[in-house]
């Protein structure tokens, strides 16, 4: 298969963690996508160049 690998193909543990963080609520509200990105960064999952994932990237992970 050619082309860019999906987040699930690159790091299934990261996607699982992102989905878990999105599923659980705080004060009956889901965490924001940016908050989830910060949690992933704290867990050692970063985007290219060591930067935090964007909200759009987190959205794609959760929908995968």
Protein backbone atom coordinates (compact mmCIF):
# COMPACT_ATOMS: atom_id res chain seq x y z
CA UNK A 1 0.00 0.00 0.00
CA UNK A 2 1.32 3.42 -0.88
CA UNK A 3 0.80 6.79 0.66
CA UNK A 4 0.84 8.19 4.14
CA UNK A 5 0.09 5.82 6.99
CA UNK A 6 -2.92 6.48 9.17
CA UNK A 7 -2.61 7.31 12.85
CA UNK A 8 -3.83 3.81 13.70
CA UNK A 9 -1.11 2.24 11.55
CA UNK A 10 1.60 4.47 13.04
CA UNK A 11 0.62 4.34 16.71
CA UNK A 12 -2.46 2.37 17.72
CA UNK A 13 -1.74 3.03 21.42
CA UNK A 14 -1.91 6.78 20.85
CA UNK A 15 -5.27 6.52 19.07
CA UNK A 16 -6.64 4.31 21.83
CA UNK A 17 -5.56 6.83 24.46
CA UNK A 18 -7.07 9.74 22.50
CA UNK A 19 -10.39 7.91 22.20
CA UNK A 20 -10.35 7.03 25.88
CA UNK A 21 -9.66 10.64 26.88
CA UNK A 22 -12.48 11.84 24.64
CA UNK A 23 -14.94 9.27 25.96
CA UNK A 24 -14.64 10.25 29.63
CA UNK A 25 -16.26 13.46 30.72
CA UNK A 26 -15.25 16.08 33.26
CA UNK A 27 -18.20 17.92 34.83
CA UNK A 28 -20.48 16.25 32.24
CA UNK A 29 -18.46 17.73 29.34
CA UNK A 30 -16.00 16.07 27.02
CA UNK A 31 -12.43 17.29 27.14
CA UNK A 32 -11.55 19.74 24.39
CA UNK A 33 -9.46 18.51 21.50
CA UNK A 34 -6.62 20.79 22.61
CA UNK A 35 -6.77 19.34 26.13
CA UNK A 36 -6.54 15.84 24.66
CA UNK A 37 -3.53 16.97 22.58
CA UNK A 38 -1.87 18.23 25.76
CA UNK A 39 -2.54 14.91 27.52
CA UNK A 40 -1.05 13.00 24.58
CA UNK A 41 2.02 15.24 24.64
CA UNK A 42 2.43 14.60 28.37
CA UNK A 43 2.23 10.87 27.66
CA UNK A 44 5.04 11.22 25.10
CA UNK A 45 3.01 11.20 21.89
CA UNK A 46 3.98 14.14 19.71
CA UNK A 47 3.62 15.12 16.07
CA UNK A 48 6.50 15.52 13.66
CA UNK A 49 9.26 17.69 15.03
CA UNK A 50 8.25 17.00 18.62
CA UNK A 51 5.33 19.41 18.51
CA UNK A 52 1.88 18.92 20.02
CA UNK A 53 -0.81 17.45 17.74
CA UNK A 54 -3.34 19.91 16.36
CA UNK A 55 -7.04 19.83 17.23
CA UNK A 56 -7.77 18.68 13.66
CA UNK A 57 -5.38 15.74 14.06
CA UNK A 58 -7.04 14.73 17.33
CA UNK A 59 -10.43 14.91 15.63
CA UNK A 60 -9.21 12.55 12.89
CA UNK A 61 -7.81 10.14 15.51
CA UNK A 62 -11.08 10.01 17.39
CA UNK A 63 -13.12 9.41 14.25
CA UNK A 64 -10.81 6.58 13.07
